[in-house]
């Protein structure tokens, strides 16, 4: 497990707790901060997955990136 995945999971869990505290206290600002932390944690987790895939399977990652680049290039032509 990469560091990004670990910190992402921790931030997601902390965000869930923060949102629950906001629900309990009736504080909308704390609820929103909790949801933002959850989103950041999930994004970090996805980045950790991508980094792990690139490290473990560099050829597959390169092919995926080439395919995505090709599709983006085709969309610009339309």
PDB file of N, CA and C in Angstrom:
ATOM      1  N   UNK A   1       0.853  -1.175   0.000  1.00  0.00           N
ATOM      2  CA  UNK A   1       0.000   0.000   0.000  1.00  0.00           C
ATOM      3  C   UNK A   1       0.898   1.236   0.000  1.00  0.00           C
ATOM      4  N   UNK A   2       0.661   2.143  -0.931  1.00  0.00           N
ATOM      5  CA  UNK A   2       1.485   3.336  -1.023  1.00  0.00           C
ATOM      6  C   UNK A   2       1.069   4.360   0.032  1.00  0.00           C
ATOM      7  N   UNK A   3       1.923   5.340   0.210  1.00  0.00           N
ATOM      8  CA  UNK A   3       1.655   6.380   1.202  1.00  0.00           C
ATOM      9  C   UNK A   3       0.394   7.165   0.854  1.00  0.00           C
ATOM     10  N   UNK A   4       0.169   7.423  -0.447  1.00  0.00           N
ATOM     11  CA  UNK A   4      -1.035   8.153  -0.860  1.00  0.00           C
ATOM     12  C   UNK A   4      -2.300   7.394  -0.500  1.00  0.00           C
ATOM     13  N   UNK A   5      -2.277   6.085  -0.681  1.00  0.00           N
ATOM     14  CA  UNK A   5      -3.469   5.299  -0.353  1.00  0.00           C
ATOM     15  C   UNK A   5      -3.726   5.310   1.151  1.00  0.00           C
ATOM     16  N   UNK A   6      -2.656   5.227   1.936  1.00  0.00           N
ATOM     17  CA  UNK A   6      -2.801   5.228   3.385  1.00  0.00           C
ATOM     18  C   UNK A   6      -3.337   6.568   3.879  1.00  0.00           C
ATOM     19  N   UNK A   7      -2.720   7.665   3.432  1.00  0.00           N
ATOM     20  CA  UNK A   7      -3.186   8.980   3.879  1.00  0.00           C
ATOM     21  C   UNK A   7      -4.577   9.285   3.335  1.00  0.00           C
ATOM     22  N   UNK A   8      -4.873   8.810   2.137  1.00  0.00           N
ATOM     23  CA  UNK A   8      -6.201   9.015   1.579  1.00  0.00           C
ATOM     24  C   UNK A   8      -7.270   8.311   2.389  1.00  0.00           C
ATOM     25  N   UNK A   9      -6.998   7.076   2.770  1.00  0.00           N
ATOM     26  CA  UNK A   9      -7.967   6.333   3.590  1.00  0.00           C
ATOM     27  C   UNK A   9      -8.142   6.990   4.952  1.00  0.00           C
ATOM     28  N   UNK A  10      -7.044   7.476   5.522  1.00  0.00           N
ATOM     29  CA  UNK A  10      -7.122   8.142   6.827  1.00  0.00           C
ATOM     30  C   UNK A  10      -7.912   9.448   6.720  1.00  0.00           C
ATOM     31  N   UNK A  11      -7.674  10.218   5.660  1.00  0.00           N
ATOM     32  CA  UNK A  11      -8.393  11.492   5.485  1.00  0.00           C
ATOM     33  C   UNK A  11      -9.878  11.232   5.237  1.00  0.00           C
ATOM     34  N   UNK A  12     -10.199  10.185   4.484  1.00  0.00           N
ATOM     35  CA  UNK A  12     -11.591   9.827   4.221  1.00  0.00           C
ATOM     36  C   UNK A  12     -12.298   9.459   5.523  1.00  0.00           C
ATOM     37  N   UNK A  13     -11.644   8.640   6.350  1.00  0.00           N
ATOM     38  CA  UNK A  13     -12.242   8.244   7.632  1.00  0.00           C
ATOM     39  C   UNK A  13     -12.424   9.452   8.551  1.00  0.00           C
ATOM     40  N   UNK A  14     -11.426  10.328   8.591  1.00  0.00           N
ATOM     41  CA  UNK A  14     -11.533  11.524   9.426  1.00  0.00           C
ATOM     42  C   UNK A  14     -12.653  12.425   8.927  1.00  0.00           C
ATOM     43  N   UNK A  15     -12.830  12.504   7.623  1.00  0.00           N
ATOM     44  CA  UNK A  15     -13.910  13.300   7.059  1.00  0.00           C
ATOM     45  C   UNK A  15     -15.279  12.752   7.415  1.00  0.00           C
ATOM     46  N   UNK A  16     -15.396  11.423   7.447  1.00  0.00           N
ATOM     47  CA  UNK A  16     -16.671  10.821   7.852  1.00  0.00           C
ATOM     48  C   UNK A  16     -16.996  11.141   9.303  1.00  0.00           C
ATOM     49  N   UNK A  17     -15.972  11.083  10.151  1.00  0.00           N
ATOM     50  CA  UNK A  17     -16.177  11.435  11.567  1.00  0.00           C
ATOM     51  C   UNK A  17     -16.557  12.903  11.681  1.00  0.00           C
ATOM     52  N   UNK A  18     -15.854  13.760  10.948  1.00  0.00           N
ATOM     53  CA  UNK A  18     -16.118  15.189  10.996  1.00  0.00           C
ATOM     54  C   UNK A  18     -17.544  15.487  10.520  1.00  0.00           C
ATOM     55  N   UNK A  19     -17.978  14.810   9.476  1.00  0.00           N
ATOM     56  CA  UNK A  19     -19.345  15.006   8.986  1.00  0.00           C
ATOM     57  C   UNK A  19     -20.363  14.553  10.029  1.00  0.00           C
ATOM     58  N   UNK A  20     -20.095  13.429  10.686  1.00  0.00           N
ATOM     59  CA  UNK A  20     -21.011  12.934  11.716  1.00  0.00           C
ATOM     60  C   UNK A  20     -21.089  13.906  12.901  1.00  0.00           C
ATOM     61  N   UNK A  21     -19.954  14.475  13.273  1.00  0.00           N
ATOM     62  CA  UNK A  21     -19.947  15.464  14.353  1.00  0.00           C
ATOM     63  C   UNK A  21     -20.764  16.684  13.940  1.00  0.00           C
ATOM     64  N   UNK A  22     -20.619  17.101  12.687  1.00  0.00           N
ATOM     65  CA  UNK A  22     -21.409  18.223  12.191  1.00  0.00           C
ATOM     66  C   UNK A  22     -22.892  17.918  12.175  1.00  0.00           C
ATOM     67  N   UNK A  23     -23.253  16.684  11.811  1.00  0.00           N
ATOM     68  CA  UNK A  23     -24.659  16.265  11.844  1.00  0.00           C
ATOM     69  C   UNK A  23     -25.200  16.330  13.269  1.00  0.00           C
ATOM     70  N   UNK A  24     -24.431  15.790  14.186  1.00  0.00           N
ATOM     71  CA  UNK A  24     -24.856  15.734  15.587  1.00  0.00           C
ATOM     72  C   UNK A  24     -24.990  17.137  16.181  1.00  0.00           C
ATOM     73  N   UNK A  25     -24.039  18.012  15.865  1.00  0.00           N
ATOM     74  CA  UNK A  25     -24.042  19.361  16.435  1.00  0.00           C
ATOM     75  C   UNK A  25     -24.933  20.321  15.646  1.00  0.00           C
ATOM     76  N   UNK A  26     -25.363  19.903  14.466  1.00  0.00           N
ATOM     77  CA  UNK A  26     -26.175  20.783  13.633  1.00  0.00           C
ATOM     78  C   UNK A  26     -25.353  21.890  12.991  1.00  0.00           C
ATOM     79  N   UNK A  27     -24.076  21.648  12.807  1.00  0.00           N
ATOM     80  CA  UNK A  27     -23.163  22.644  12.239  1.00  0.00           C
ATOM     81  C   UNK A  27     -22.917  22.320  10.766  1.00  0.00           C
ATOM     82  N   UNK A  28     -23.513  23.106   9.888  1.00  0.00           N
ATOM     83  CA  UNK A  28     -23.397  22.853   8.449  1.00  0.00           C
ATOM     84  C   UNK A  28     -21.961  23.028   7.961  1.00  0.00           C
ATOM     85  N   UNK A  29     -21.233  23.961   8.552  1.00  0.00           N
ATOM     86  CA  UNK A  29     -19.856  24.197   8.120  1.00  0.00           C
ATOM     87  C   UNK A  29     -18.976  22.966   8.392  1.00  0.00           C
ATOM     88  N   UNK A  30     -19.142  22.353   9.533  1.00  0.00           N
ATOM     89  CA  UNK A  30     -18.379  21.153   9.867  1.00  0.00           C
ATOM     90  C   UNK A  30     -18.778  19.996   8.961  1.00  0.00           C
ATOM     91  N   UNK A  31     -20.065  19.906   8.640  1.00  0.00           N
ATOM     92  CA  UNK A  31     -20.521  18.867   7.725  1.00  0.00           C
ATOM     93  C   UNK A  31     -19.854  19.020   6.363  1.00  0.00           C
ATOM     94  N   UNK A  32     -19.811  20.232   5.843  1.00  0.00           N
ATOM     95  CA  UNK A  32     -19.214  20.483   4.536  1.00  0.00           C
ATOM     96  C   UNK A  32     -17.718  20.184   4.569  1.00  0.00           C
ATOM     97  N   UNK A  33     -17.045  20.613   5.633  1.00  0.00           N
ATOM     98  CA  UNK A  33     -15.622  20.314   5.753  1.00  0.00           C
ATOM     99  C   UNK A  33     -15.383  18.804   5.773  1.00  0.00           C
ATOM    100  N   UNK A  34     -16.262  18.071   6.442  1.00  0.00           N
ATOM    101  CA  UNK A  34     -16.142  16.617   6.463  1.00  0.00           C
ATOM    102  C   UNK A  34     -16.296  16.016   5.082  1.00  0.00           C
ATOM    103  N   UNK A  35     -17.254  16.512   4.321  1.00  0.00           N
ATOM    104  CA  UNK A  35     -17.464  16.006   2.968  1.00  0.00           C
ATOM    105  C   UNK A  35     -16.287  16.350   2.061  1.00  0.00           C
ATOM    106  N   UNK A  36     -15.724  17.550   2.245  1.00  0.00           N
ATOM    107  CA  UNK A  36     -14.552  17.946   1.448  1.00  0.00           C
ATOM    108  C   UNK A  36     -13.375  17.034   1.783  1.00  0.00           C
ATOM    109  N   UNK A  37     -13.170  16.757   3.063  1.00  0.00           N
ATOM    110  CA  UNK A  37     -12.079  15.865   3.462  1.00  0.00           C
ATOM    111  C   UNK A  37     -12.286  14.452   2.923  1.00  0.00           C
ATOM    112  N   UNK A  38     -13.530  14.004   2.874  1.00  0.00           N
ATOM    113  CA  UNK A  38     -13.810  12.687   2.301  1.00  0.00           C
ATOM    114  C   UNK A  38     -13.443  12.666   0.814  1.00  0.00           C
ATOM    115  N   UNK A  39     -13.821  13.707   0.101  1.00  0.00           N
ATOM    116  CA  UNK A  39     -13.511  13.778  -1.334  1.00  0.00           C
ATOM    117  C   UNK A  39     -12.002  13.829  -1.553  1.00  0.00           C
ATOM    118  N   UNK A  40     -11.305  14.615  -0.747  1.00  0.00           N
ATOM    119  CA  UNK A  40      -9.842  14.685  -0.878  1.00  0.00           C
ATOM    120  C   UNK A  40      -9.211  13.326  -0.584  1.00  0.00           C
ATOM    121  N   UNK A  41      -9.722  12.654   0.436  1.00  0.00           N
ATOM    122  CA  UNK A  41      -9.190  11.343   0.781  1.00  0.00           C
ATOM    123  C   UNK A  41      -9.417  10.324  -0.321  1.00  0.00           C
ATOM    124  N   UNK A  42     -10.590  10.358  -0.913  1.00  0.00           N
ATOM    125  CA  UNK A  42     -10.880   9.424  -1.996  1.00  0.00           C
ATOM    126  C   UNK A  42     -10.019   9.723  -3.219  1.00  0.00           C
ATOM    127  N   UNK A  43      -9.771  11.006  -3.492  1.00  0.00           N
ATOM    128  CA  UNK A  43      -8.907  11.375  -4.610  1.00  0.00           C
ATOM    129  C   UNK A  43      -7.467  10.905  -4.366  1.00  0.00           C
ATOM    130  N   UNK A  44      -6.988  11.069  -3.134  1.00  0.00           N
ATOM    131  CA  UNK A  44      -5.645  10.587  -2.804  1.00  0.00           C
ATOM    132  C   UNK A  44      -5.548   9.075  -2.954  1.00  0.00           C
ATOM    133  N   UNK A  45      -6.603   8.389  -2.567  1.00  0.00           N
ATOM    134  CA  UNK A  45      -6.622   6.931  -2.683  1.00  0.00           C
ATOM    135  C   UNK A  45      -6.537   6.517  -4.158  1.00  0.00           C
ATOM    136  N   UNK A  46      -7.271   7.204  -5.013  1.00  0.00           N
ATOM    137  CA  UNK A  46      -7.234   6.905  -6.451  1.00  0.00           C
ATOM    138  C   UNK A  46      -5.845   7.195  -7.012  1.00  0.00           C
ATOM    139  N   UNK A  47      -5.245   8.295  -6.578  1.00  0.00           N
ATOM    140  CA  UNK A  47      -3.890   8.620  -7.042  1.00  0.00           C
ATOM    141  C   UNK A  47      -2.900   7.549  -6.582  1.00  0.00           C
ATOM    142  N   UNK A  48      -3.091   7.035  -5.377  1.00  0.00           N
ATOM    143  CA  UNK A  48      -2.238   5.956  -4.894  1.00  0.00           C
ATOM    144  C   UNK A  48      -2.403   4.701  -5.729  1.00  0.00           C
ATOM    145  N   UNK A  49      -3.651   4.391  -6.108  1.00  0.00           N
ATOM    146  CA  UNK A  49      -3.904   3.244  -6.987  1.00  0.00           C
ATOM    147  C   UNK A  49      -3.190   3.419  -8.319  1.00  0.00           C
ATOM    148  N   UNK A  50      -3.284   4.632  -8.871  1.00  0.00           N
ATOM    149  CA  UNK A  50      -2.636   4.895 -10.165  1.00  0.00           C
ATOM    150  C   UNK A  50      -1.124   4.772 -10.048  1.00  0.00           C
ATOM    151  N   UNK A  51      -0.571   5.305  -8.975  1.00  0.00           N
ATOM    152  CA  UNK A  51       0.880   5.221  -8.781  1.00  0.00           C
ATOM    153  C   UNK A  51       1.323   3.769  -8.630  1.00  0.00           C
ATOM    154  N   UNK A  52       0.538   2.980  -7.907  1.00  0.00           N
ATOM    155  CA  UNK A  52       0.865   1.568  -7.750  1.00  0.00           C
ATOM    156  C   UNK A  52       0.812   0.838  -9.094  1.00  0.00           C
ATOM    157  N   UNK A  53      -0.202   1.162  -9.909  1.00  0.00           N
ATOM    158  CA  UNK A  53      -0.324   0.513 -11.207  1.00  0.00           C
ATOM    159  C   UNK A  53       0.848   0.887 -12.107  1.00  0.00           C
ATOM    160  N   UNK A  54       1.240   2.166 -12.089  1.00  0.00           N
ATOM    161  CA  UNK A  54       2.362   2.602 -12.918  1.00  0.00           C
ATOM    162  C   UNK A  54       3.637   1.890 -12.487  1.00  0.00           C
ATOM    163  N   UNK A  55       3.822   1.754 -11.183  1.00  0.00           N
ATOM    164  CA  UNK A  55       5.025   1.101 -10.670  1.00  0.00           C
ATOM    165  C   UNK A  55       5.014  -0.397 -10.992  1.00  0.00           C
ATOM    166  N   UNK A  56       3.864  -1.040 -10.852  1.00  0.00           N
ATOM    167  CA  UNK A  56       3.771  -2.486 -11.049  1.00  0.00           C
ATOM    168  C   UNK A  56       3.661  -2.890 -12.514  1.00  0.00           C
ATOM    169  N   UNK A  57       2.954  -2.070 -13.313  1.00  0.00           N
ATOM    170  CA  UNK A  57       2.709  -2.413 -14.715  1.00  0.00           C
ATOM    171  C   UNK A  57       2.957  -1.196 -15.611  1.00  0.00           C
ATOM    172  N   UNK A  58       4.216  -0.828 -15.820  1.00  0.00           N
ATOM    173  CA  UNK A  58       4.496   0.396 -16.576  1.00  0.00           C
ATOM    174  C   UNK A  58       4.040   0.334 -18.032  1.00  0.00           C
ATOM    175  N   UNK A  59       4.100  -0.828 -18.661  1.00  0.00           N
ATOM    176  CA  UNK A  59       3.685  -0.934 -20.057  1.00  0.00           C
ATOM    177  C   UNK A  59       2.179  -0.703 -20.201  1.00  0.00           C
ATOM    178  N   UNK A  60       1.392  -1.320 -19.336  1.00  0.00           N
ATOM    179  CA  UNK A  60      -0.063  -1.137 -19.379  1.00  0.00           C
ATOM    180  C   UNK A  60      -0.410   0.326 -19.118  1.00  0.00           C
ATOM    181  N   UNK A  61       0.257   0.941 -18.144  1.00  0.00           N
ATOM    182  CA  UNK A  61      -0.003   2.341 -17.838  1.00  0.00           C
ATOM    183  C   UNK A  61       0.324   3.233 -19.032  1.00  0.00           C
ATOM    184  N   UNK A  62       1.437   2.962 -19.695  1.00  0.00           N
ATOM    185  CA  UNK A  62       1.815   3.757 -20.866  1.00  0.00           C
ATOM    186  C   UNK A  62       0.783   3.602 -21.982  1.00  0.00           C
ATOM    187  N   UNK A  63       0.318   2.380 -22.202  1.00  0.00           N
ATOM    188  CA  UNK A  63      -0.691   2.156 -23.247  1.00  0.00           C
ATOM    189  C   UNK A  63      -2.001   2.869 -22.924  1.00  0.00           C
ATOM    190  N   UNK A  64      -2.389   2.858 -21.663  1.00  0.00           N
ATOM    191  CA  UNK A  64      -3.616   3.557 -21.253  1.00  0.00           C
ATOM    192  C   UNK A  64      -3.460   5.056 -21.491  1.00  0.00           C
ATOM    193  N   UNK A  65      -2.319   5.612 -21.108  1.00  0.00           N
ATOM    194  CA  UNK A  65      -2.093   7.046 -21.307  1.00  0.00           C
ATOM    195  C   UNK A  65      -2.067   7.409 -22.787  1.00  0.00           C
ATOM    196  N   UNK A  66      -1.474   6.574 -23.611  1.00  0.00           N
ATOM    197  CA  UNK A  66      -1.470   6.830 -25.050  1.00  0.00           C
ATOM    198  C   UNK A  66      -2.905   6.808 -25.584  1.00  0.00           C
ATOM    199  N   UNK A  67      -3.698   5.845 -25.140  1.00  0.00           N
ATOM    200  CA  UNK A  67      -5.093   5.777 -25.573  1.00  0.00           C
ATOM    201  C   UNK A  67      -5.898   6.986 -25.147  1.00  0.00           C
ATOM    202  N   UNK A  68      -5.714   7.428 -23.919  1.00  0.00           N
ATOM    203  CA  UNK A  68      -6.425   8.611 -23.430  1.00  0.00           C
ATOM    204  C   UNK A  68      -5.994   9.844 -24.223  1.00  0.00           C
ATOM    205  N   UNK A  69      -4.697   9.974 -24.473  1.00  0.00           N
ATOM    206  CA  UNK A  69      -4.211  11.096 -25.269  1.00  0.00           C
ATOM    207  C   UNK A  69      -4.787  11.092 -26.670  1.00  0.00           C
ATOM    208  N   UNK A  70      -4.874   9.924 -27.270  1.00  0.00           N
ATOM    209  CA  UNK A  70      -5.461   9.800 -28.600  1.00  0.00           C
ATOM    210  C   UNK A  70      -6.921  10.244 -28.599  1.00  0.00           C
ATOM    211  N   UNK A  71      -7.685   9.780 -27.606  1.00  0.00           N
ATOM    212  CA  UNK A  71      -9.101  10.145 -27.527  1.00  0.00           C
ATOM    213  C   UNK A  71      -9.282  11.642 -27.323  1.00  0.00           C
ATOM    214  N   UNK A  72      -8.452  12.246 -26.487  1.00  0.00           N
ATOM    215  CA  UNK A  72      -8.543  13.681 -26.274  1.00  0.00           C
ATOM    216  C   UNK A  72      -8.215  14.432 -27.569  1.00  0.00           C
ATOM    217  N   UNK A  73      -7.217  13.954 -28.266  1.00  0.00           N
ATOM    218  CA  UNK A  73      -6.873  14.551 -29.554  1.00  0.00           C
ATOM    219  C   UNK A  73      -8.003  14.444 -30.568  1.00  0.00           C
ATOM    220  N   UNK A  74      -8.681  13.320 -30.591  1.00  0.00           N
ATOM    221  CA  UNK A  74      -9.815  13.137 -31.508  1.00  0.00           C
ATOM    222  C   UNK A  74     -10.979  14.049 -31.140  1.00  0.00           C
ATOM    223  N   UNK A  75     -11.208  14.263 -29.851  1.00  0.00           N
ATOM    224  CA  UNK A  75     -12.301  15.133 -29.427  1.00  0.00           C
ATOM    225  C   UNK A  75     -12.046  16.578 -29.840  1.00  0.00           C
ATOM    226  N   UNK A  76     -10.810  17.003 -29.841  1.00  0.00           N
ATOM    227  CA  UNK A  76     -10.474  18.378 -30.220  1.00  0.00           C
ATOM    228  C   UNK A  76     -10.717  18.615 -31.710  1.00  0.00           C
ATOM    229  N   UNK A  77     -10.659  17.560 -32.504  1.00  0.00           N
ATOM    230  CA  UNK A  77     -10.866  17.712 -33.939  1.00  0.00           C
ATOM    231  C   UNK A  77     -12.337  17.825 -34.310  1.00  0.00           C
ATOM    232  N   UNK A  78     -13.214  17.379 -33.448  1.00  0.00           N
ATOM    233  CA  UNK A  78     -14.644  17.384 -33.756  1.00  0.00           C
ATOM    234  C   UNK A  78     -15.259  18.725 -33.599  1.00  0.00           C
TER     235      UNK A  78
END
